Amino acid sequence: MSFPPDGSSVLDSVGRRGALSYEFEREGPRTILTRSSCTSPWHHFPPSYLDDSGCAYTWLVNPSGGLVGGDHVSVEARLHAGTHVLMTSPSANRVYRSLSDPAVQEVCLSVGPGARLEWVPEVTIPFAGSRFRQSIHVDLAPGATVVLWDALASGRVARRERWAFATVENEICITTPLGGSVVERYRLVPGGLPESVGLAGSWDYVASLFVIGDAVDADVWNRLDVVLAAILDERPGLVLGAVSSPAAPGLVVKLVARSAPDLTETLAAIWAAVRKGLWSLPAPNLRRY
């Protein structure tokens, strides 16, 4: 066995160190990408424009198919004043089995004055025996708004790997212009027993939606609260969720779902309602393949 020059074991350097970075600015009616960089496993795709809103639709692409133990990947995005960016992924984020180190994903998003960010990736699927740690930090400037969706599967449901992963750690922190924060933090260690993850153990998907911003009038939040609560009631027994108002201006939705179609259809309805309520925009067809 050979060793790296610093004397550490080859095993100490298992995993990839991938970084993806974007910077956006406003040019006329459009948001444009002004600077970007990426290292494997990330693959760079320039944003596209699916409508005449000027929103830059940006895909986060990992062609390797997933994350393994020891991987450490990051996403950074800086949105300058008045920009509108949607960041999504073409497929689920798969996390493979690991005997020791977790796969780590760190996301840092800076949203400038009056800017809009929509973070709507596909669901994370932790395989049996996998270890995953994620952090998503969003820094909002005055007048900025973020719509942030984060969803987790209980595992590869079709292969009956429900709640069979080793650990999942997740932290979402949205910092507001006045210095306050909206924080969600959890650590799941199923241990092979659905009961160890609480009430979520009888469901196959869990998800959170954060809509935070100080540029939205209180009556808009109130109307949106009612609309989102009604959407959550449309699939009794298949989706269970609720809407709450955090200390910061905005709304938070927490839900669990029985199946991937139930989750997808509920997100589509919620997202369409949010876009219409905040900006009078329709939800786009992202045409994932």
Protein backbone atom coordinates (compact mmCIF):
# COMPACT_ATOMS: atom_id res chain seq x y z
CA MET A 1 0.00 0.00 0.00
CA SER A 2 1.29 3.46 -0.86
CA PHE A 3 0.79 6.50 1.38
CA PRO A 4 0.31 10.21 0.66
CA PRO A 5 3.35 12.46 1.14
CA ASP A 6 2.06 13.72 4.50
CA GLY A 7 2.15 10.20 5.94
CA SER A 8 -1.61 9.77 6.30
CA SER A 9 -3.32 6.57 5.20
CA VAL A 10 -5.00 6.37 1.83
CA LEU A 11 -8.20 5.62 3.75
CA ASP A 12 -7.99 9.07 5.36
CA SER A 13 -8.52 10.71 1.99
CA VAL A 14 -11.51 8.67 0.82
CA GLY A 15 -14.22 10.73 -0.84
CA ARG A 16 -14.43 13.69 -3.16
CA ARG A 17 -14.20 17.40 -2.40
CA GLY A 18 -16.54 19.11 -4.81
CA ALA A 19 -17.45 22.80 -4.85
CA LEU A 20 -20.02 24.63 -6.96
CA SER A 21 -20.16 28.42 -6.92
CA TYR A 22 -22.47 30.91 -8.63
CA GLU A 23 -22.81 34.69 -8.70
CA PHE A 24 -25.82 36.44 -10.24
CA GLU A 25 -26.54 40.05 -11.18
CA ARG A 26 -29.45 41.92 -12.70
CA GLU A 27 -29.08 43.08 -16.31
CA GLY A 28 -32.15 44.86 -17.57
CA PRO A 29 -35.21 42.66 -17.04
CA ARG A 30 -33.12 39.50 -16.63
CA THR A 31 -30.99 37.85 -13.98
CA ILE A 32 -27.70 36.75 -15.51
CA LEU A 33 -24.89 34.51 -14.30
CA THR A 34 -21.75 36.64 -14.01
CA ARG A 35 -19.35 34.22 -12.36
CA SER A 36 -19.23 30.49 -11.72
CA SER A 37 -16.89 27.61 -10.94
CA CYS A 38 -17.20 23.92 -10.17
CA THR A 39 -15.13 20.88 -9.29
CA SER A 40 -16.08 17.20 -9.47
CA PRO A 41 -18.57 15.74 -8.82
CA TRP A 42 -20.49 18.90 -9.72
CA HIS A 43 -21.08 19.67 -13.38
CA HIS A 44 -21.73 23.21 -14.52
CA PHE A 45 -24.82 24.13 -16.51
CA PRO A 46 -25.62 27.77 -17.36
CA PRO A 47 -29.07 28.97 -16.29
CA SER A 48 -32.02 28.88 -18.66
CA TYR A 49 -35.07 31.10 -19.02
CA LEU A 50 -38.37 29.27 -19.06
CA ASP A 51 -40.61 32.34 -19.13
CA ASP A 52 -40.47 36.11 -19.51
CA SER A 53 -40.10 36.83 -15.76
CA GLY A 54 -36.31 37.19 -16.00
CA CYS A 55 -35.79 34.40 -13.45
CA ALA A 56 -32.58 32.42 -13.96
CA TYR A 57 -33.46 28.73 -13.68
CA THR A 58 -30.33 26.96 -12.49
CA TRP A 59 -29.74 23.19 -12.27
CA LEU A 60 -27.47 21.56 -9.70
CA VAL A 61 -26.09 18.53 -11.53
CA ASN A 62 -24.07 15.69 -10.00
CA PRO A 63 -23.51 13.16 -12.84
CA SER A 64 -21.91 10.63 -10.48
CA GLY A 65 -25.33 9.49 -9.33
CA GLY A 66 -24.98 10.19 -5.62
CA LEU A 67 -22.78 10.68 -2.57
CA VAL A 68 -20.64 8.15 -0.74
CA GLY A 69 -19.07 8.22 2.71
CA GLY A 70 -16.24 10.73 2.86
CA ASP A 71 -17.65 12.96 0.11
CA HIS A 72 -17.73 16.64 1.03
CA VAL A 73 -19.60 18.78 -1.48
CA SER A 74 -20.62 22.40 -1.26
CA VAL A 75 -22.83 24.90 -3.06
CA GLU A 76 -22.37 28.65 -2.79
CA ALA A 77 -24.53 31.26 -4.49
CA ARG A 78 -24.49 35.03 -4.26
CA LEU A 79 -27.51 36.90 -5.58
CA HIS A 80 -27.00 40.62 -6.06
CA ALA A 81 -29.74 43.24 -5.74
CA GLY A 82 -32.95 42.69 -7.66
CA THR A 83 -32.08 39.24 -8.99
CA HIS A 84 -34.42 36.24 -9.17
CA VAL A 85 -32.89 32.76 -9.18
CA LEU A 86 -34.43 29.30 -8.95
CA MET A 87 -32.03 26.49 -8.04
CA THR A 88 -33.15 22.89 -8.46
CA SER A 89 -31.81 19.44 -9.33
CA PRO A 90 -32.72 17.05 -12.16
CA SER A 91 -32.97 13.98 -9.94
CA ALA A 92 -32.95 12.78 -6.34
CA ASN A 93 -29.88 13.21 -4.14
CA ARG A 94 -28.86 9.60 -3.39
CA VAL A 95 -26.65 8.82 -0.40
CA TYR A 96 -24.97 5.41 -0.47
CA ARG A 97 -24.04 3.03 2.33
CA SER A 98 -21.02 3.97 4.45
CA LEU A 99 -19.26 2.04 7.22
CA SER A 100 -17.64 5.09 8.81
CA ASP A 101 -17.58 8.65 7.43
CA PRO A 102 -20.72 10.53 6.47
CA ALA A 103 -21.34 12.19 3.14
CA VAL A 104 -21.43 15.93 3.81
CA GLN A 105 -23.24 18.63 1.84
CA GLU A 106 -22.89 22.31 2.76
CA VAL A 107 -24.98 25.02 1.13
CA CYS A 108 -24.37 28.77 1.63
CA LEU A 109 -26.74 31.21 -0.08
CA SER A 110 -26.53 35.00 0.06
CA VAL A 111 -29.63 36.87 -1.15
CA GLY A 112 -29.11 40.57 -1.86
CA PRO A 113 -31.50 43.53 -1.43
CA GLY A 114 -34.83 42.92 -3.12
CA ALA A 115 -33.63 39.60 -4.57
CA ARG A 116 -35.67 36.40 -4.79
CA LEU A 117 -34.28 32.90 -4.31
CA GLU A 118 -36.20 29.67 -4.82
CA TRP A 119 -34.33 26.58 -3.58
CA VAL A 120 -36.34 23.58 -4.79
CA PRO A 121 -34.13 20.47 -5.16
CA GLU A 122 -35.37 16.92 -5.53
CA VAL A 123 -35.73 14.68 -2.48
CA THR A 124 -32.74 13.19 -0.64
CA ILE A 125 -32.79 9.37 -0.50
CA PRO A 126 -30.53 7.84 2.18
CA PHE A 127 -29.80 4.19 1.31
CA ALA A 128 -29.63 1.51 4.01
CA GLY A 129 -26.52 1.99 6.14
CA SER A 130 -25.83 5.47 4.77
CA ARG A 131 -24.60 8.47 6.78
CA PHE A 132 -25.48 11.98 5.67
CA ARG A 133 -24.89 15.44 7.12
CA GLN A 134 -26.32 18.56 5.48
CA SER A 135 -26.34 22.25 6.34
CA ILE A 136 -28.17 24.98 4.44
CA HIS A 137 -27.44 28.56 5.49
CA VAL A 138 -29.27 31.49 3.89
CA ASP A 139 -28.40 35.15 4.54
CA LEU A 140 -31.18 37.59 3.59
CA ALA A 141 -30.61 41.29 2.87
CA PRO A 142 -33.41 43.87 3.35
CA GLY A 143 -36.24 43.25 0.91
CA ALA A 144 -34.99 39.77 -0.03
CA THR A 145 -37.23 36.69 -0.09
CA VAL A 146 -36.36 32.99 0.03
CA VAL A 147 -38.55 29.99 -0.79
CA LEU A 148 -36.69 26.94 0.50
CA TRP A 149 -37.86 23.34 0.12
CA ASP A 150 -36.12 20.38 1.72
CA ALA A 151 -37.42 16.81 1.55
CA LEU A 152 -36.16 13.47 2.87
CA ALA A 153 -37.24 9.94 1.95
CA SER A 154 -37.24 7.21 4.57
CA GLY A 155 -34.99 5.25 2.20
CA ARG A 156 -35.43 3.21 -0.96
CA VAL A 157 -39.07 2.49 -0.27
CA ALA A 158 -39.51 0.12 -3.23
CA ARG A 159 -36.73 -2.07 -1.81
CA ARG A 160 -38.30 -1.96 1.66
CA GLU A 161 -35.41 0.05 3.10
CA ARG A 162 -37.59 2.22 5.28
CA TRP A 163 -35.68 4.08 8.01
CA ALA A 164 -32.69 1.76 7.54
CA PHE A 165 -30.00 4.43 7.15
CA ALA A 166 -27.39 4.84 9.89
CA THR A 167 -27.66 8.60 10.52
CA VAL A 168 -29.06 11.76 8.95
CA GLU A 169 -28.18 15.18 10.36
CA ASN A 170 -29.74 18.31 8.94
CA GLU A 171 -29.56 22.01 9.73
CA ILE A 172 -31.37 24.84 7.98
CA CYS A 173 -30.63 28.38 9.14
CA ILE A 174 -32.16 31.48 7.52
CA THR A 175 -30.73 34.76 8.85
CA THR A 176 -32.94 37.82 8.49
CA PRO A 177 -31.83 41.45 7.89
CA LEU A 178 -32.33 42.37 11.56
CA GLY A 179 -30.06 39.55 12.72
CA GLY A 180 -32.72 37.08 13.80
CA SER A 181 -32.78 33.52 12.49
CA VAL A 182 -35.23 30.80 11.55
CA VAL A 183 -33.59 27.47 12.38
CA GLU A 184 -34.53 23.83 11.86
CA ARG A 185 -32.13 21.23 13.20
CA TYR A 186 -32.50 17.47 13.66
CA ARG A 187 -30.51 14.26 13.91
CA LEU A 188 -32.06 10.89 13.05
CA VAL A 189 -30.55 7.56 14.13
CA PRO A 190 -33.24 5.01 13.28
CA GLY A 191 -31.38 1.94 14.54
CA GLY A 192 -33.64 -0.26 12.42
CA LEU A 193 -36.74 0.68 14.44
CA PRO A 194 -39.33 3.03 12.91
CA GLU A 195 -40.43 4.02 16.43
CA SER A 196 -37.03 5.64 17.05
CA VAL A 197 -37.85 8.43 14.61
CA GLY A 198 -41.09 9.29 16.34
CA LEU A 199 -44.38 9.81 14.55
CA ALA A 200 -42.59 10.13 11.20
CA GLY A 201 -41.74 6.42 11.35
CA SER A 202 -45.10 5.42 9.90
CA TRP A 203 -44.64 7.72 6.88
CA ASP A 204 -42.28 7.43 3.91
CA TYR A 205 -41.39 11.10 3.28
CA VAL A 206 -40.87 14.18 5.42
CA ALA A 207 -40.44 17.72 4.13
CA SER A 208 -40.17 21.36 5.14
CA LEU A 209 -40.93 24.55 3.25
CA PHE A 210 -39.70 27.94 4.42
CA VAL A 211 -41.01 31.16 2.86
CA ILE A 212 -39.24 34.07 4.55
CA GLY A 213 -38.92 37.75 3.63
CA ASP A 214 -39.55 41.21 5.01
CA ALA A 215 -40.84 42.68 1.73
CA VAL A 216 -44.22 40.93 1.93
CA ASP A 217 -47.26 42.58 3.49
CA ALA A 218 -48.88 40.94 6.50
CA ASP A 219 -52.19 40.45 4.67
CA VAL A 220 -50.38 38.49 1.94
CA TRP A 221 -48.96 36.13 4.57
CA ASN A 222 -52.41 35.72 6.10
CA ARG A 223 -54.04 34.83 2.79
CA LEU A 224 -51.22 32.46 1.87
CA ASP A 225 -51.50 30.75 5.25
CA VAL A 226 -55.13 29.91 4.55
CA VAL A 227 -54.41 28.68 1.02
CA LEU A 228 -51.52 26.43 2.06
CA ALA A 229 -53.49 24.94 4.95
CA ALA A 230 -56.28 24.06 2.51
CA ILE A 231 -53.82 22.34 0.16
CA LEU A 232 -52.48 20.21 3.02
CA ASP A 233 -56.04 19.07 3.75
CA GLU A 234 -56.66 17.86 0.19
CA ARG A 235 -55.11 14.38 0.71
CA PRO A 236 -56.36 13.06 4.05
CA GLY A 237 -54.50 9.95 5.09
CA LEU A 238 -51.90 10.50 2.37
CA VAL A 239 -50.42 13.81 3.48
CA LEU A 240 -50.33 15.27 6.97
CA GLY A 241 -49.00 18.77 7.56
CA ALA A 242 -49.46 22.19 9.05
CA VAL A 243 -48.53 25.83 8.50
CA SER A 244 -46.94 27.99 11.17
CA SER A 245 -45.71 31.57 11.50
CA PRO A 246 -42.10 31.91 12.71
CA ALA A 247 -40.69 34.89 14.57
CA ALA A 248 -39.43 36.29 11.25
CA PRO A 249 -41.85 37.52 8.56
CA GLY A 250 -42.99 34.46 6.65
CA LEU A 251 -44.46 30.98 6.86
CA VAL A 252 -43.15 27.49 7.55
CA VAL A 253 -44.80 24.30 6.29
CA LYS A 254 -44.03 20.88 7.77
CA LEU A 255 -45.46 17.75 6.24
CA VAL A 256 -45.20 13.98 5.91
CA ALA A 257 -46.39 11.94 2.93
CA ARG A 258 -47.21 8.30 2.15
CA SER A 259 -45.65 8.18 -1.31
CA ALA A 260 -43.45 10.04 -3.77
CA PRO A 261 -46.45 11.04 -5.95
CA ASP A 262 -48.25 12.41 -2.88
CA LEU A 263 -45.16 14.45 -1.98
CA THR A 264 -44.61 15.69 -5.54
CA GLU A 265 -48.23 16.69 -6.11
CA THR A 266 -48.42 18.50 -2.78
CA LEU A 267 -45.20 20.41 -3.48
CA ALA A 268 -46.48 21.39 -6.92
CA ALA A 269 -49.70 22.79 -5.46
CA ILE A 270 -47.94 24.59 -2.60
CA TRP A 271 -45.24 26.03 -4.82
CA ALA A 272 -47.80 27.28 -7.35
CA ALA A 273 -49.73 28.97 -4.53
CA VAL A 274 -46.60 30.61 -3.13
CA ARG A 275 -45.46 31.96 -6.51
CA LYS A 276 -48.92 33.29 -7.28
CA GLY A 277 -49.39 34.81 -3.83
CA LEU A 278 -45.99 36.49 -3.61
CA TRP A 279 -45.20 37.51 -7.18
CA SER A 280 -48.27 36.76 -9.37
CA LEU A 281 -46.15 34.23 -11.27
CA PRO A 282 -47.16 30.73 -12.42
CA ALA A 283 -45.15 27.70 -11.37
CA PRO A 284 -42.81 26.69 -14.21
CA ASN A 285 -42.60 23.30 -15.88
CA LEU A 286 -39.06 22.26 -15.00
CA ARG A 287 -39.18 19.33 -17.45
CA ARG A 288 -37.03 16.97 -15.44
CA TYR A 289 -35.99 13.82 -17.27
